[in-house]
C-alpha atoms as a PDB file:
ATOM      1  CA  MET A   1       5.429 -23.549  22.724  1.00  0.00           C
ATOM      2  CA  ILE A   2       5.342 -22.989  18.974  1.00  0.00           C
ATOM      3  CA  ALA A   3       6.460 -20.060  16.817  1.00  0.00           C
ATOM      4  CA  ALA A   4       4.167 -18.349  14.296  1.00  0.00           C
ATOM      5  CA  LEU A   5       6.276 -16.618  11.648  1.00  0.00           C
ATOM      6  CA  TYR A   6       5.307 -13.825   9.215  1.00  0.00           C
ATOM      7  CA  VAL A   7       1.953 -13.121  10.857  1.00  0.00           C
ATOM      8  CA  GLU A   8      -0.126  -9.929  10.929  1.00  0.00           C
ATOM      9  CA  ALA A   9       0.645  -7.564  13.808  1.00  0.00           C
ATOM     10  CA  ASP A  10      -3.026  -7.547  14.810  1.00  0.00           C
ATOM     11  CA  GLY A  11      -3.943 -10.878  13.251  1.00  0.00           C
ATOM     12  CA  THR A  12      -5.446 -14.136  14.411  1.00  0.00           C
ATOM     13  CA  TYR A  13      -2.285 -15.499  16.090  1.00  0.00           C
ATOM     14  CA  ILE A  14      -1.685 -12.533  18.366  1.00  0.00           C
ATOM     15  CA  GLY A  15      -2.422 -13.193  22.042  1.00  0.00           C
ATOM     16  CA  LEU A  16      -2.712 -16.965  21.784  1.00  0.00           C
ATOM     17  CA  PRO A  17      -1.173 -18.834  24.729  1.00  0.00           C
ATOM     18  CA  HIS A  18       2.079 -20.671  24.087  1.00  0.00           C
ATOM     19  CA  VAL A  19       2.519 -19.075  20.653  1.00  0.00           C
ATOM     20  CA  ASP A  20       5.601 -16.936  20.015  1.00  0.00           C
ATOM     21  CA  THR A  21       4.481 -14.554  17.263  1.00  0.00           C
ATOM     22  CA  TRP A  22       6.811 -12.951  14.748  1.00  0.00           C
ATOM     23  CA  ASP A  23       4.988 -10.085  13.057  1.00  0.00           C
ATOM     24  CA  ILE A  24       6.316  -7.297  10.845  1.00  0.00           C
ATOM     25  CA  GLY A  25       8.097  -5.775  13.845  1.00  0.00           C
ATOM     26  CA  ARG A  26      10.362  -8.824  14.086  1.00  0.00           C
ATOM     27  CA  ASP A  27      12.510 -10.282  11.338  1.00  0.00           C
ATOM     28  CA  ALA A  28      11.263 -13.863  11.014  1.00  0.00           C
ATOM     29  CA  ARG A  29      14.194 -14.676   8.738  1.00  0.00           C
ATOM     30  CA  GLN A  30      16.308 -14.581  11.901  1.00  0.00           C
ATOM     31  CA  TYR A  31      14.259 -17.215  13.754  1.00  0.00           C
ATOM     32  CA  ALA A  32      16.751 -19.646  15.293  1.00  0.00           C
ATOM     33  CA  GLY A  33      14.480 -22.142  17.046  1.00  0.00           C
ATOM     34  CA  PRO A  34      14.059 -24.155  19.066  1.00  0.00           C
ATOM     35  CA  HIS A  35      10.273 -24.428  18.720  1.00  0.00           C
ATOM     36  CA  PRO A  36       8.380 -25.921  15.775  1.00  0.00           C
ATOM     37  CA  ILE A  37       6.713 -23.362  13.554  1.00  0.00           C
ATOM     38  CA  VAL A  38       3.698 -22.306  11.567  1.00  0.00           C
ATOM     39  CA  ALA A  39       4.880 -20.045   8.748  1.00  0.00           C
ATOM     40  CA  HIS A  40       2.958 -17.659   6.492  1.00  0.00           C
ATOM     41  CA  PRO A  41       5.749 -16.102   4.379  1.00  0.00           C
ATOM     42  CA  PRO A  42       4.664 -13.236   2.092  1.00  0.00           C
ATOM     43  CA  CYS A  43       3.302 -14.425  -1.231  1.00  0.00           C
ATOM     44  CA  GLN A  44       3.057 -11.306  -3.419  1.00  0.00           C
ATOM     45  CA  ARG A  45       6.200 -12.067  -5.423  1.00  0.00           C
ATOM     46  CA  TRP A  46       5.283 -15.726  -5.946  1.00  0.00           C
ATOM     47  CA  GLY A  47       1.720 -15.456  -7.256  1.00  0.00           C
ATOM     48  CA  ARG A  48      -0.176 -14.573 -10.438  1.00  0.00           C
ATOM     49  CA  PHE A  49       0.976 -10.960 -10.327  1.00  0.00           C
ATOM     50  CA  ALA A  50       4.496 -11.645  -9.093  1.00  0.00           C
ATOM     51  CA  ARG A  51       5.939  -9.305 -11.709  1.00  0.00           C
ATOM     52  CA  GLY A  52       3.411  -6.565 -10.947  1.00  0.00           C
ATOM     53  CA  GLY A  53      -0.072  -5.521 -12.066  1.00  0.00           C
ATOM     54  CA  THR A  54      -1.480  -5.719 -15.580  1.00  0.00           C
ATOM     55  CA  HIS A  55      -1.569  -1.946 -16.156  1.00  0.00           C
ATOM     56  CA  PRO A  56       1.313  -0.697 -18.364  1.00  0.00           C
ATOM     57  CA  ASN A  57       2.349   1.792 -15.681  1.00  0.00           C
ATOM     58  CA  SER A  58       2.323  -0.751 -12.851  1.00  0.00           C
ATOM     59  CA  PRO A  59       5.649  -1.214 -11.044  1.00  0.00           C
ATOM     60  CA  ARG A  60       7.689  -4.164 -12.285  1.00  0.00           C
ATOM     61  CA  PHE A  61       9.176  -6.771  -9.944  1.00  0.00           C
ATOM     62  CA  GLU A  62      11.330  -9.873 -10.112  1.00  0.00           C
ATOM     63  CA  VAL A  63       9.633 -13.179  -9.386  1.00  0.00           C
ATOM     64  CA  GLY A  64      10.643 -14.391  -5.933  1.00  0.00           C
ATOM     65  CA  ALA A  65      11.954 -10.994  -4.792  1.00  0.00           C
ATOM     66  CA  ASP A  66      10.737 -11.400  -1.206  1.00  0.00           C
ATOM     67  CA  GLU A  67      14.102 -10.647   0.469  1.00  0.00           C
ATOM     68  CA  GLY A  68      14.620 -14.311   1.276  1.00  0.00           C
ATOM     69  CA  CYS A  69      11.469 -14.799   3.352  1.00  0.00           C
ATOM     70  CA  PHE A  70      10.228 -18.005   1.722  1.00  0.00           C
ATOM     71  CA  LYS A  71      13.722 -19.516   1.633  1.00  0.00           C
ATOM     72  CA  ALA A  72      14.169 -18.820   5.359  1.00  0.00           C
ATOM     73  CA  ALA A  73      10.698 -20.147   6.226  1.00  0.00           C
ATOM     74  CA  LEU A  74      11.301 -23.361   4.285  1.00  0.00           C
ATOM     75  CA  ALA A  75      14.667 -23.879   5.981  1.00  0.00           C
ATOM     76  CA  ALA A  76      13.109 -23.276   9.413  1.00  0.00           C
ATOM     77  CA  VAL A  77      10.321 -25.807   8.807  1.00  0.00           C
ATOM     78  CA  ARG A  78      12.851 -28.392   7.671  1.00  0.00           C
ATOM     79  CA  ARG A  79      15.097 -27.794  10.682  1.00  0.00           C
ATOM     80  CA  TRP A  80      12.625 -27.299  13.528  1.00  0.00           C
ATOM     81  CA  GLY A  81       9.547 -29.008  12.150  1.00  0.00           C
ATOM     82  CA  GLY A  82       6.252 -27.375  11.296  1.00  0.00           C
ATOM     83  CA  VAL A  83       4.026 -26.325   8.449  1.00  0.00           C
ATOM     84  CA  LEU A  84       4.263 -23.561   5.849  1.00  0.00           C
ATOM     85  CA  GLU A  85       1.270 -22.066   4.013  1.00  0.00           C
ATOM     86  CA  HIS A  86       1.232 -20.418   0.567  1.00  0.00           C
ATOM     87  CA  PRO A  87      -1.354 -19.812  -2.172  1.00  0.00           C
ATOM     88  CA  CYS A  88      -2.170 -22.602  -4.598  1.00  0.00           C
ATOM     89  CA  ASP A  89       0.105 -22.594  -7.672  1.00  0.00           C
ATOM     90  CA  SER A  90       2.789 -20.669  -5.791  1.00  0.00           C
ATOM     91  CA  LEU A  91       5.868 -20.220  -7.980  1.00  0.00           C
ATOM     92  CA  ALA A  92       7.958 -20.920  -4.887  1.00  0.00           C
ATOM     93  CA  TRP A  93       7.241 -24.637  -5.260  1.00  0.00           C
ATOM     94  CA  PRO A  94       9.030 -25.144  -8.614  1.00  0.00           C
ATOM     95  CA  HIS A  95      11.677 -22.585  -7.657  1.00  0.00           C
ATOM     96  CA  PHE A  96      12.659 -24.657  -4.605  1.00  0.00           C
ATOM     97  CA  ASN A  97      12.137 -27.997  -6.374  1.00  0.00           C
ATOM     98  CA  LEU A  98       9.022 -28.946  -4.419  1.00  0.00           C
ATOM     99  CA  ASN A  99       6.467 -31.238  -6.003  1.00  0.00           C
ATOM    100  CA  ALA A 100       3.121 -29.610  -6.799  1.00  0.00           C
ATOM    101  CA  PRO A 101       0.265 -31.345  -4.947  1.00  0.00           C
ATOM    102  CA  PRO A 102      -2.961 -32.414  -6.694  1.00  0.00           C
ATOM    103  CA  ARG A 103      -5.913 -30.050  -6.368  1.00  0.00           C
ATOM    104  CA  GLU A 104      -8.215 -32.881  -5.343  1.00  0.00           C
ATOM    105  CA  GLY A 105      -6.247 -33.245  -2.118  1.00  0.00           C
ATOM    106  CA  GLY A 106      -4.106 -35.772  -0.325  1.00  0.00           C
ATOM    107  CA  TRP A 107      -0.564 -35.582   0.984  1.00  0.00           C
ATOM    108  CA  ILE A 108       2.311 -36.374  -1.379  1.00  0.00           C
ATOM    109  CA  ALA A 109       6.078 -36.345  -0.880  1.00  0.00           C
ATOM    110  CA  ALA A 110       7.325 -32.815  -1.529  1.00  0.00           C
ATOM    111  CA  ASP A 111      11.078 -33.320  -1.700  1.00  0.00           C
ATOM    112  CA  PHE A 112      13.991 -35.462  -0.537  1.00  0.00           C
ATOM    113  CA  GLU A 113      14.161 -33.609   2.797  1.00  0.00           C
ATOM    114  CA  GLY A 114      11.313 -35.484   4.484  1.00  0.00           C
ATOM    115  CA  GLY A 115       8.715 -32.884   3.506  1.00  0.00           C
ATOM    116  CA  TRP A 116       5.119 -33.417   2.496  1.00  0.00           C
ATOM    117  CA  THR A 117       2.738 -31.178   0.578  1.00  0.00           C
ATOM    118  CA  CYS A 118      -0.975 -30.932  -0.144  1.00  0.00           C
ATOM    119  CA  CYS A 119      -3.658 -28.653  -1.555  1.00  0.00           C
ATOM    120  CA  VAL A 120      -6.503 -27.685   0.775  1.00  0.00           C
ATOM    121  CA  TYR A 121      -9.297 -25.143   0.352  1.00  0.00           C
ATOM    122  CA  GLN A 122      -9.577 -22.684   3.245  1.00  0.00           C
ATOM    123  CA  GLY A 123     -13.256 -22.290   2.409  1.00  0.00           C
ATOM    124  CA  HIS A 124     -13.760 -25.608   4.212  1.00  0.00           C
ATOM    125  CA  TYR A 125     -12.334 -23.935   7.325  1.00  0.00           C
ATOM    126  CA  GLY A 126     -14.153 -20.624   7.495  1.00  0.00           C
ATOM    127  CA  HIS A 127     -12.765 -18.439   4.687  1.00  0.00           C
ATOM    128  CA  PHE A 128     -15.413 -16.494   2.762  1.00  0.00           C
ATOM    129  CA  SER A 129     -13.965 -17.671  -0.566  1.00  0.00           C
ATOM    130  CA  GLY A 130     -12.631 -21.058  -1.609  1.00  0.00           C
ATOM    131  CA  LYS A 131      -8.992 -19.909  -1.341  1.00  0.00           C
ATOM    132  CA  PRO A 132      -7.068 -22.998  -2.501  1.00  0.00           C
ATOM    133  CA  THR A 133      -3.858 -23.233  -0.489  1.00  0.00           C
ATOM    134  CA  TRP A 134      -0.689 -25.304  -0.623  1.00  0.00           C
ATOM    135  CA  LEU A 135       0.905 -26.594   2.556  1.00  0.00           C
ATOM    136  CA  TYR A 136       4.450 -27.818   3.108  1.00  0.00           C
ATOM    137  CA  ALA A 137       4.937 -29.879   6.266  1.00  0.00           C
ATOM    138  CA  ASN A 138       7.949 -31.531   7.841  1.00  0.00           C
ATOM    139  CA  LYS A 139       8.390 -33.479  11.095  1.00  0.00           C
ATOM    140  CA  VAL A 140       4.703 -33.177  12.012  1.00  0.00           C
ATOM    141  CA  THR A 141       1.643 -35.406  12.045  1.00  0.00           C
ATOM    142  CA  LEU A 142      -0.173 -35.362   8.698  1.00  0.00           C
ATOM    143  CA  PRO A 143      -3.935 -35.212   9.325  1.00  0.00           C
ATOM    144  CA  GLU A 144      -6.747 -36.150   6.990  1.00  0.00           C
ATOM    145  CA  LEU A 145      -8.179 -32.827   5.845  1.00  0.00           C
ATOM    146  CA  ARG A 146     -11.407 -31.802   4.140  1.00  0.00           C
ATOM    147  CA  TRP A 147     -10.179 -32.528   0.654  1.00  0.00           C
ATOM    148  CA  GLY A 148     -11.490 -31.229  -2.640  1.00  0.00           C
ATOM    149  CA  LYS A 149     -12.995 -28.004  -3.886  1.00  0.00           C
ATOM    150  CA  CYS A 150     -15.518 -26.011  -1.886  1.00  0.00           C
ATOM    151  CA  GLU A 151     -19.006 -25.393  -3.101  1.00  0.00           C
ATOM    152  CA  GLN A 152     -19.168 -22.556  -5.607  1.00  0.00           C
ATOM    153  CA  ARG A 153     -19.475 -19.110  -4.046  1.00  0.00           C
ATOM    154  CA  LEU A 154     -20.618 -16.065  -5.998  1.00  0.00           C
ATOM    155  CA  HIS A 155     -20.702 -12.511  -4.715  1.00  0.00           C
ATOM    156  CA  PRO A 156     -24.351 -11.328  -4.803  1.00  0.00           C
ATOM    157  CA  THR A 157     -23.409  -7.849  -6.064  1.00  0.00           C
ATOM    158  CA  ALA A 158     -21.369  -9.263  -8.936  1.00  0.00           C
ATOM    159  CA  LEU A 159     -24.112 -11.759  -9.740  1.00  0.00           C
ATOM    160  CA  ALA A 160     -26.804  -9.076  -9.839  1.00  0.00           C
ATOM    161  CA  LYS A 161     -24.704  -6.645 -11.856  1.00  0.00           C
ATOM    162  CA  HIS A 162     -22.889  -8.932 -14.295  1.00  0.00           C
ATOM    163  CA  GLY A 163     -24.724 -12.260 -14.362  1.00  0.00           C
ATOM    164  CA  TYR A 164     -23.534 -15.754 -13.547  1.00  0.00           C
ATOM    165  CA  ALA A 165     -20.721 -16.210 -16.071  1.00  0.00           C
ATOM    166  CA  LYS A 166     -18.836 -13.016 -15.200  1.00  0.00           C
ATOM    167  CA  ALA A 167     -19.515 -13.322 -11.457  1.00  0.00           C
ATOM    168  CA  ARG A 168     -17.927 -16.778 -11.612  1.00  0.00           C
ATOM    169  CA  ARG A 169     -14.847 -15.375 -13.376  1.00  0.00           C
ATOM    170  CA  ILE A 170     -14.545 -12.452 -10.949  1.00  0.00           C
ATOM    171  CA  GLY A 171     -14.781 -14.622  -7.850  1.00  0.00           C
ATOM    172  CA  MET A 172     -15.279 -13.611  -4.243  1.00  0.00           C
ATOM    173  CA  MET A 173     -11.804 -12.266  -3.507  1.00  0.00           C
ATOM    174  CA  ALA A 174     -11.840  -9.642  -6.262  1.00  0.00           C
ATOM    175  CA  MET A 175     -14.992  -8.094  -4.830  1.00  0.00           C
ATOM    176  CA  VAL A 176     -13.287  -7.156  -1.566  1.00  0.00           C
ATOM    177  CA  GLY A 177     -12.509  -3.443  -1.569  1.00  0.00           C
ATOM    178  CA  GLY A 178     -11.629  -0.658   0.820  1.00  0.00           C
ATOM    179  CA  LYS A 179      -8.465   0.215   2.663  1.00  0.00           C
ATOM    180  CA  ASP A 180      -8.285  -3.187   4.411  1.00  0.00           C
ATOM    181  CA  LYS A 181      -8.801  -5.301   1.288  1.00  0.00           C
ATOM    182  CA  THR A 182      -5.312  -6.835   1.339  1.00  0.00           C
ATOM    183  CA  LYS A 183      -5.596  -7.701   5.014  1.00  0.00           C
ATOM    184  CA  ILE A 184      -9.026  -9.267   4.505  1.00  0.00           C
ATOM    185  CA  ARG A 185      -7.890 -11.302   1.512  1.00  0.00           C
ATOM    186  CA  ASN A 186      -4.779 -12.531   3.327  1.00  0.00           C
ATOM    187  CA  SER A 187      -6.532 -13.298   6.615  1.00  0.00           C
ATOM    188  CA  THR A 188      -6.340 -16.786   8.101  1.00  0.00           C
ATOM    189  CA  PRO A 189      -9.670 -18.085   9.482  1.00  0.00           C
ATOM    190  CA  ASP A 190      -9.533 -19.130  13.135  1.00  0.00           C
ATOM    191  CA  GLU A 191     -10.471 -22.719  12.299  1.00  0.00           C
ATOM    192  CA  PHE A 192      -7.700 -22.991   9.714  1.00  0.00           C
ATOM    193  CA  ARG A 193      -5.215 -21.397  12.104  1.00  0.00           C
ATOM    194  CA  ASP A 194      -6.181 -23.929  14.773  1.00  0.00           C
ATOM    195  CA  LEU A 195      -5.715 -26.758  12.275  1.00  0.00           C
ATOM    196  CA  LEU A 196      -2.169 -25.643  11.463  1.00  0.00           C
ATOM    197  CA  ILE A 197      -1.330 -25.212  15.151  1.00  0.00           C
ATOM    198  CA  SER A 198      -2.679 -28.680  15.964  1.00  0.00           C
ATOM    199  CA  MET A 199      -0.478 -30.215  13.257  1.00  0.00           C
ATOM    200  CA  VAL A 200       2.599 -28.641  14.827  1.00  0.00           C
ATOM    201  CA  ARG A 201       1.673 -29.437  18.428  1.00  0.00           C
ATOM    202  CA  ASN A 202       0.805 -33.066  17.649  1.00  0.00           C
ATOM    203  CA  ARG A 203       4.184 -33.960  16.308  1.00  0.00           C
ATOM    204  CA  PRO A 204       5.142 -37.664  16.220  1.00  0.00           C
END
C-alpha cells in the first residue's frame, strides 16, 4: 500500500489498487503514515505568479501561503519515504533549503536529510507540453529517467495566428482554455504517475 497525497478528486490516482488517495475531501496535512507516499502539494503560491496575476486589479498573495501543505508533504516524505512533485523553479526549494537540480537531469543531493532531487520533463511521459518538473525523493530507489528537454512543441493555432517566435514564447500550456483549463494543466499523465508509484513501491 502507498498513499497519494494532494490528488484530484477525479484524477488519475483514484481507483488504483493498493493506493490510499487523499483528495480535497481529506486533509493531507494530517497524514500520519505508515505507508510511503507520492505527494503533489499545491503549487500556485510557489510559482511564477505566486503573488498573483499581472493585472493591477489581480488579488495579491504571499509567497508560500499554501496553509502549510508543502511543509507537511516534505515532512511526510522524509519520515515515511516517497517522492514529492512540484513545478520546475518552485520557490519552495530555496524556502526549505533544498538544492535546485540541473535542468539537464540527473539526481543530486537535495539536503542533509537523505533527500535527492532532479529535474524531469513530463513531456517524456505523456504530457502534451514539456512541463519541466522537480522531484524530491527520500528513502526510495532512484531510477534513471528520460533526462533532458523534450522536443519543441508549438500549438498549431498559435503558430498559424502569431508565427513561430510568438508561438514559442506562448507555449502549449497557455493555449489551454475553458472551464477545465487548470485541471488540464495540472494533470499528471498516467505514465508519469506510474513512474512515481514504481519509485515508491521499489524501495531499497
